Amino acid sequence: MKECEKYAALLDAFSEGDLFMEDMIQVQNHLMNCPACQAYLEEAEARKNCMAMGNAVRKIVLRKSGSKH
């Protein structure tokens, strides 16, 4: 788990594609052998997708109601 602490701060940036290539490769290598970090990344992706879906629905509702909020 000590190894995970090293990568914890990088996982969100990894999911956004905001890492330098060297860091990206290190995170990928860690993810291949770490179910805990794989689960964290999957949950982060699900949250991001959920938020994107919520924003899209909100825009549709606002557009249909004629609101400009």
PDB file of N, CA and C in Angstrom:
ATOM      1  N   MET A   1       0.821  -1.193   0.000  1.00  0.00           N
ATOM      2  CA  MET A   1       0.000   0.000   0.000  1.00  0.00           C
ATOM      3  C   MET A   1       0.863   1.254   0.000  1.00  0.00           C
ATOM      4  N   LYS A   2       2.071   1.150   0.513  1.00  0.00           N
ATOM      5  CA  LYS A   2       2.991   2.290   0.513  1.00  0.00           C
ATOM      6  C   LYS A   2       3.243   2.760  -0.915  1.00  0.00           C
ATOM      7  N   GLU A   3       3.334   1.806  -1.804  1.00  0.00           N
ATOM      8  CA  GLU A   3       3.548   2.120  -3.219  1.00  0.00           C
ATOM      9  C   GLU A   3       2.383   2.959  -3.760  1.00  0.00           C
ATOM     10  N   CYS A   4       1.165   2.671  -3.316  1.00  0.00           N
ATOM     11  CA  CYS A   4      -0.022   3.399  -3.781  1.00  0.00           C
ATOM     12  C   CYS A   4       0.033   4.869  -3.391  1.00  0.00           C
ATOM     13  N   GLU A   5       0.574   5.150  -2.226  1.00  0.00           N
ATOM     14  CA  GLU A   5       0.672   6.539  -1.777  1.00  0.00           C
ATOM     15  C   GLU A   5       1.469   7.374  -2.776  1.00  0.00           C
ATOM     16  N   LYS A   6       2.460   6.756  -3.361  1.00  0.00           N
ATOM     17  CA  LYS A   6       3.295   7.441  -4.351  1.00  0.00           C
ATOM     18  C   LYS A   6       2.478   7.843  -5.580  1.00  0.00           C
ATOM     19  N   TYR A   7       1.509   7.016  -5.937  1.00  0.00           N
ATOM     20  CA  TYR A   7       0.743   7.246  -7.163  1.00  0.00           C
ATOM     21  C   TYR A   7      -0.609   7.915  -6.935  1.00  0.00           C
ATOM     22  N   ALA A   8      -1.054   7.999  -5.689  1.00  0.00           N
ATOM     23  CA  ALA A   8      -2.384   8.533  -5.384  1.00  0.00           C
ATOM     24  C   ALA A   8      -2.604   9.910  -5.999  1.00  0.00           C
ATOM     25  N   ALA A   9      -1.636  10.771  -5.872  1.00  0.00           N
ATOM     26  CA  ALA A   9      -1.781  12.135  -6.394  1.00  0.00           C
ATOM     27  C   ALA A   9      -1.771  12.175  -7.923  1.00  0.00           C
ATOM     28  N   LEU A  10      -1.277  11.138  -8.541  1.00  0.00           N
ATOM     29  CA  LEU A  10      -1.167  11.120 -10.001  1.00  0.00           C
ATOM     30  C   LEU A  10      -2.381  10.509 -10.699  1.00  0.00           C
ATOM     31  N   LEU A  11      -3.203   9.772  -9.953  1.00  0.00           N
ATOM     32  CA  LEU A  11      -4.287   9.035 -10.607  1.00  0.00           C
ATOM     33  C   LEU A  11      -5.324   9.937 -11.263  1.00  0.00           C
ATOM     34  N   ASP A  12      -5.692  11.028 -10.616  1.00  0.00           N
ATOM     35  CA  ASP A  12      -6.667  11.935 -11.230  1.00  0.00           C
ATOM     36  C   ASP A  12      -6.094  12.590 -12.485  1.00  0.00           C
ATOM     37  N   ALA A  13      -4.844  13.024 -12.403  1.00  0.00           N
ATOM     38  CA  ALA A  13      -4.191  13.611 -13.580  1.00  0.00           C
ATOM     39  C   ALA A  13      -4.063  12.569 -14.685  1.00  0.00           C
ATOM     40  N   PHE A  14      -3.798  11.326 -14.305  1.00  0.00           N
ATOM     41  CA  PHE A  14      -3.705  10.230 -15.267  1.00  0.00           C
ATOM     42  C   PHE A  14      -5.030  10.072 -16.013  1.00  0.00           C
ATOM     43  N   SER A  15      -6.139  10.086 -15.260  1.00  0.00           N
ATOM     44  CA  SER A  15      -7.444   9.882 -15.901  1.00  0.00           C
ATOM     45  C   SER A  15      -7.804  11.031 -16.837  1.00  0.00           C
ATOM     46  N   GLU A  16      -7.230  12.199 -16.592  1.00  0.00           N
ATOM     47  CA  GLU A  16      -7.478  13.361 -17.453  1.00  0.00           C
ATOM     48  C   GLU A  16      -6.471  13.449 -18.605  1.00  0.00           C
ATOM     49  N   GLY A  17      -5.447  12.606 -18.576  1.00  0.00           N
ATOM     50  CA  GLY A  17      -4.412  12.664 -19.602  1.00  0.00           C
ATOM     51  C   GLY A  17      -3.463  13.832 -19.417  1.00  0.00           C
ATOM     52  N   ASP A  18      -3.327  14.276 -18.158  1.00  0.00           N
ATOM     53  CA  ASP A  18      -2.523  15.465 -17.860  1.00  0.00           C
ATOM     54  C   ASP A  18      -1.155  15.147 -17.265  1.00  0.00           C
ATOM     55  N   LEU A  19      -0.579  14.042 -17.643  1.00  0.00           N
ATOM     56  CA  LEU A  19       0.748  13.682 -17.128  1.00  0.00           C
ATOM     57  C   LEU A  19       1.768  13.675 -18.256  1.00  0.00           C
ATOM     58  N   PHE A  20       3.021  13.908 -17.873  1.00  0.00           N
ATOM     59  CA  PHE A  20       4.105  13.729 -18.827  1.00  0.00           C
ATOM     60  C   PHE A  20       4.210  12.243 -19.146  1.00  0.00           C
ATOM     61  N   MET A  21       4.729  11.920 -20.298  1.00  0.00           N
ATOM     62  CA  MET A  21       4.798  10.539 -20.760  1.00  0.00           C
ATOM     63  C   MET A  21       5.472   9.616 -19.737  1.00  0.00           C
ATOM     64  N   GLU A  22       6.552  10.057 -19.142  1.00  0.00           N
ATOM     65  CA  GLU A  22       7.267   9.222 -18.172  1.00  0.00           C
ATOM     66  C   GLU A  22       6.379   8.875 -16.973  1.00  0.00           C
ATOM     67  N   ASP A  23       5.645   9.871 -16.463  1.00  0.00           N
ATOM     68  CA  ASP A  23       4.736   9.628 -15.345  1.00  0.00           C
ATOM     69  C   ASP A  23       3.575   8.737 -15.773  1.00  0.00           C
ATOM     70  N   MET A  24       3.079   8.943 -16.980  1.00  0.00           N
ATOM     71  CA  MET A  24       1.976   8.139 -17.510  1.00  0.00           C
ATOM     72  C   MET A  24       2.375   6.663 -17.557  1.00  0.00           C
ATOM     73  N   ILE A  25       3.573   6.397 -18.021  1.00  0.00           N
ATOM     74  CA  ILE A  25       4.056   5.013 -18.117  1.00  0.00           C
ATOM     75  C   ILE A  25       4.216   4.402 -16.728  1.00  0.00           C
ATOM     76  N   GLN A  26       4.741   5.170 -15.779  1.00  0.00           N
ATOM     77  CA  GLN A  26       4.900   4.659 -14.415  1.00  0.00           C
ATOM     78  C   GLN A  26       3.546   4.324 -13.790  1.00  0.00           C
ATOM     79  N   VAL A  27       2.566   5.191 -13.995  1.00  0.00           N
ATOM     80  CA  VAL A  27       1.231   4.939 -13.448  1.00  0.00           C
ATOM     81  C   VAL A  27       0.623   3.710 -14.118  1.00  0.00           C
ATOM     82  N   GLN A  28       0.764   3.602 -15.425  1.00  0.00           N
ATOM     83  CA  GLN A  28       0.239   2.427 -16.137  1.00  0.00           C
ATOM     84  C   GLN A  28       0.858   1.140 -15.594  1.00  0.00           C
ATOM     85  N   ASN A  29       2.160   1.153 -15.377  1.00  0.00           N
ATOM     86  CA  ASN A  29       2.832  -0.030 -14.836  1.00  0.00           C
ATOM     87  C   ASN A  29       2.319  -0.364 -13.440  1.00  0.00           C
ATOM     88  N   HIS A  30       2.111   0.648 -12.624  1.00  0.00           N
ATOM     89  CA  HIS A  30       1.581   0.424 -11.279  1.00  0.00           C
ATOM     90  C   HIS A  30       0.159  -0.140 -11.353  1.00  0.00           C
ATOM     91  N   LEU A  31      -0.661   0.416 -12.237  1.00  0.00           N
ATOM     92  CA  LEU A  31      -2.047  -0.025 -12.356  1.00  0.00           C
ATOM     93  C   LEU A  31      -2.170  -1.486 -12.775  1.00  0.00           C
ATOM     94  N   MET A  32      -1.217  -1.983 -13.540  1.00  0.00           N
ATOM     95  CA  MET A  32      -1.257  -3.376 -13.989  1.00  0.00           C
ATOM     96  C   MET A  32      -1.215  -4.345 -12.813  1.00  0.00           C
ATOM     97  N   ASN A  33      -0.641  -3.916 -11.696  1.00  0.00           N
ATOM     98  CA  ASN A  33      -0.446  -4.818 -10.556  1.00  0.00           C
ATOM     99  C   ASN A  33      -1.146  -4.355  -9.287  1.00  0.00           C
ATOM    100  N   CYS A  34      -2.035  -3.377  -9.376  1.00  0.00           N
ATOM    101  CA  CYS A  34      -2.643  -2.842  -8.165  1.00  0.00           C
ATOM    102  C   CYS A  34      -4.172  -2.744  -8.306  1.00  0.00           C
ATOM    103  N   PRO A  35      -4.873  -3.733  -7.797  1.00  0.00           N
ATOM    104  CA  PRO A  35      -6.333  -3.714  -7.871  1.00  0.00           C
ATOM    105  C   PRO A  35      -6.957  -2.518  -7.150  1.00  0.00           C
ATOM    106  N   ALA A  36      -6.348  -2.062  -6.068  1.00  0.00           N
ATOM    107  CA  ALA A  36      -6.898  -0.927  -5.314  1.00  0.00           C
ATOM    108  C   ALA A  36      -6.867   0.348  -6.162  1.00  0.00           C
ATOM    109  N   CYS A  37      -5.768   0.613  -6.820  1.00  0.00           N
ATOM    110  CA  CYS A  37      -5.666   1.805  -7.661  1.00  0.00           C
ATOM    111  C   CYS A  37      -6.515   1.659  -8.923  1.00  0.00           C
ATOM    112  N   GLN A  38      -6.637   0.442  -9.436  1.00  0.00           N
ATOM    113  CA  GLN A  38      -7.527   0.202 -10.577  1.00  0.00           C
ATOM    114  C   GLN A  38      -8.960   0.548 -10.190  1.00  0.00           C
ATOM    115  N   ALA A  39      -9.379   0.112  -8.998  1.00  0.00           N
ATOM    116  CA  ALA A  39     -10.739   0.394  -8.522  1.00  0.00           C
ATOM    117  C   ALA A  39     -10.942   1.886  -8.327  1.00  0.00           C
ATOM    118  N   TYR A  40      -9.943   2.564  -7.757  1.00  0.00           N
ATOM    119  CA  TYR A  40     -10.054   4.012  -7.568  1.00  0.00           C
ATOM    120  C   TYR A  40     -10.238   4.712  -8.910  1.00  0.00           C
ATOM    121  N   LEU A  41      -9.438   4.319  -9.887  1.00  0.00           N
ATOM    122  CA  LEU A  41      -9.508   4.947 -11.206  1.00  0.00           C
ATOM    123  C   LEU A  41     -10.858   4.681 -11.873  1.00  0.00           C
ATOM    124  N   GLU A  42     -11.373   3.463 -11.741  1.00  0.00           N
ATOM    125  CA  GLU A  42     -12.689   3.143 -12.303  1.00  0.00           C
ATOM    126  C   GLU A  42     -13.780   3.983 -11.649  1.00  0.00           C
ATOM    127  N   GLU A  43     -13.702   4.153 -10.326  1.00  0.00           N
ATOM    128  CA  GLU A  43     -14.687   4.970  -9.615  1.00  0.00           C
ATOM    129  C   GLU A  43     -14.579   6.444 -10.032  1.00  0.00           C
ATOM    130  N   ALA A  44     -13.369   6.921 -10.196  1.00  0.00           N
ATOM    131  CA  ALA A  44     -13.167   8.308 -10.622  1.00  0.00           C
ATOM    132  C   ALA A  44     -13.748   8.522 -12.012  1.00  0.00           C
ATOM    133  N   GLU A  45     -13.540   7.570 -12.903  1.00  0.00           N
ATOM    134  CA  GLU A  45     -14.091   7.667 -14.253  1.00  0.00           C
ATOM    135  C   GLU A  45     -15.621   7.649 -14.216  1.00  0.00           C
ATOM    136  N   ALA A  46     -16.185   6.804 -13.364  1.00  0.00           N
ATOM    137  CA  ALA A  46     -17.643   6.727 -13.250  1.00  0.00           C
ATOM    138  C   ALA A  46     -18.209   8.041 -12.722  1.00  0.00           C
ATOM    139  N   ARG A  47     -17.552   8.634 -11.723  1.00  0.00           N
ATOM    140  CA  ARG A  47     -18.004   9.923 -11.190  1.00  0.00           C
ATOM    141  C   ARG A  47     -17.938  11.005 -12.258  1.00  0.00           C
ATOM    142  N   LYS A  48     -16.842  11.005 -13.017  1.00  0.00           N
ATOM    143  CA  LYS A  48     -16.673  12.004 -14.073  1.00  0.00           C
ATOM    144  C   LYS A  48     -17.761  11.852 -15.136  1.00  0.00           C
ATOM    145  N   ASN A  49     -18.064  10.612 -15.514  1.00  0.00           N
ATOM    146  CA  ASN A  49     -19.105  10.360 -16.510  1.00  0.00           C
ATOM    147  C   ASN A  49     -20.477  10.764 -15.982  1.00  0.00           C
ATOM    148  N   CYS A  50     -20.713  10.498 -14.714  1.00  0.00           N
ATOM    149  CA  CYS A  50     -21.987  10.857 -14.086  1.00  0.00           C
ATOM    150  C   CYS A  50     -22.164  12.372 -14.071  1.00  0.00           C
ATOM    151  N   MET A  51     -21.113  13.081 -13.730  1.00  0.00           N
ATOM    152  CA  MET A  51     -21.179  14.538 -13.704  1.00  0.00           C
ATOM    153  C   MET A  51     -21.411  15.096 -15.098  1.00  0.00           C
ATOM    154  N   ALA A  52     -20.752  14.526 -16.091  1.00  0.00           N
ATOM    155  CA  ALA A  52     -20.930  14.975 -17.472  1.00  0.00           C
ATOM    156  C   ALA A  52     -22.366  14.736 -17.930  1.00  0.00           C
ATOM    157  N   MET A  53     -22.909  13.589 -17.570  1.00  0.00           N
ATOM    158  CA  MET A  53     -24.292  13.275 -17.936  1.00  0.00           C
ATOM    159  C   MET A  53     -25.243  14.245 -17.251  1.00  0.00           C
ATOM    160  N   GLY A  54     -25.006  14.535 -15.984  1.00  0.00           N
ATOM    161  CA  GLY A  54     -25.842  15.483 -15.248  1.00  0.00           C
ATOM    162  C   GLY A  54     -25.810  16.865 -15.874  1.00  0.00           C
ATOM    163  N   ASN A  55     -24.646  17.299 -16.281  1.00  0.00           N
ATOM    164  CA  ASN A  55     -24.517  18.608 -16.928  1.00  0.00           C
ATOM    165  C   ASN A  55     -25.244  18.643 -18.265  1.00  0.00           C
ATOM    166  N   ALA A  56     -25.160  17.555 -19.006  1.00  0.00           N
ATOM    167  CA  ALA A  56     -25.844  17.494 -20.301  1.00  0.00           C
ATOM    168  C   ALA A  56     -27.362  17.540 -20.105  1.00  0.00           C
ATOM    169  N   VAL A  57     -27.866  16.793 -19.135  1.00  0.00           N
ATOM    170  CA  VAL A  57     -29.308  16.786 -18.865  1.00  0.00           C
ATOM    171  C   VAL A  57     -29.755  18.169 -18.410  1.00  0.00           C
ATOM    172  N   ARG A  58     -28.978  18.795 -17.562  1.00  0.00           N
ATOM    173  CA  ARG A  58     -29.314  20.137 -17.068  1.00  0.00           C
ATOM    174  C   ARG A  58     -29.435  21.130 -18.236  1.00  0.00           C
ATOM    175  N   LYS A  59     -28.500  21.059 -19.178  1.00  0.00           N
ATOM    176  CA  LYS A  59     -28.546  21.953 -20.337  1.00  0.00           C
ATOM    177  C   LYS A  59     -29.805  21.723 -21.169  1.00  0.00           C
ATOM    178  N   ILE A  60     -30.166  20.470 -21.338  1.00  0.00           N
ATOM    179  CA  ILE A  60     -31.364  20.148 -22.115  1.00  0.00           C
ATOM    180  C   ILE A  60     -32.605  20.680 -21.413  1.00  0.00           C
ATOM    181  N   VAL A  61     -32.693  20.454 -20.120  1.00  0.00           N
ATOM    182  CA  VAL A  61     -33.850  20.918 -19.350  1.00  0.00           C
ATOM    183  C   VAL A  61     -33.947  22.437 -19.400  1.00  0.00           C
ATOM    184  N   LEU A  62     -32.832  23.114 -19.210  1.00  0.00           N
ATOM    185  CA  LEU A  62     -32.838  24.571 -19.241  1.00  0.00           C
ATOM    186  C   LEU A  62     -33.220  25.096 -20.629  1.00  0.00           C
ATOM    187  N   ARG A  63     -32.732  24.428 -21.653  1.00  0.00           N
ATOM    188  CA  ARG A  63     -33.049  24.844 -23.026  1.00  0.00           C
ATOM    189  C   ARG A  63     -34.543  24.687 -23.296  1.00  0.00           C
ATOM    190  N   LYS A  64     -35.092  23.565 -22.847  1.00  0.00           N
ATOM    191  CA  LYS A  64     -36.529  23.309 -23.090  1.00  0.00           C
ATOM    192  C   LYS A  64     -37.401  24.236 -22.274  1.00  0.00           C
ATOM    193  N   SER A  65     -36.933  24.665 -21.094  1.00  0.00           N
ATOM    194  CA  SER A  65     -37.752  25.530 -20.260  1.00  0.00           C
ATOM    195  C   SER A  65     -37.586  27.001 -20.652  1.00  0.00           C
ATOM    196  N   GLY A  66     -36.626  27.273 -21.520  1.00  0.00           N
ATOM    197  CA  GLY A  66     -36.390  28.643 -21.960  1.00  0.00           C
ATOM    198  C   GLY A  66     -35.592  29.460 -20.971  1.00  0.00           C
ATOM    199  N   SER A  67     -35.075  28.818 -19.936  1.00  0.00           N
ATOM    200  CA  SER A  67     -34.287  29.504 -18.922  1.00  0.00           C
ATOM    201  C   SER A  67     -32.862  29.728 -19.421  1.00  0.00           C
ATOM    202  N   LYS A  68     -32.250  30.783 -18.947  1.00  0.00           N
ATOM    203  CA  LYS A  68     -30.875  31.088 -19.359  1.00  0.00           C
ATOM    204  C   LYS A  68     -29.916  30.959 -18.193  1.00  0.00           C
ATOM    205  N   HIS A  69     -30.256  30.190 -17.167  1.00  0.00           N
ATOM    206  CA  HIS A  69     -29.398  30.008 -15.995  1.00  0.00           C
ATOM    207  C   HIS A  69     -28.329  29.022 -16.264  1.00  0.00           C
TER     208      HIS A  69
END
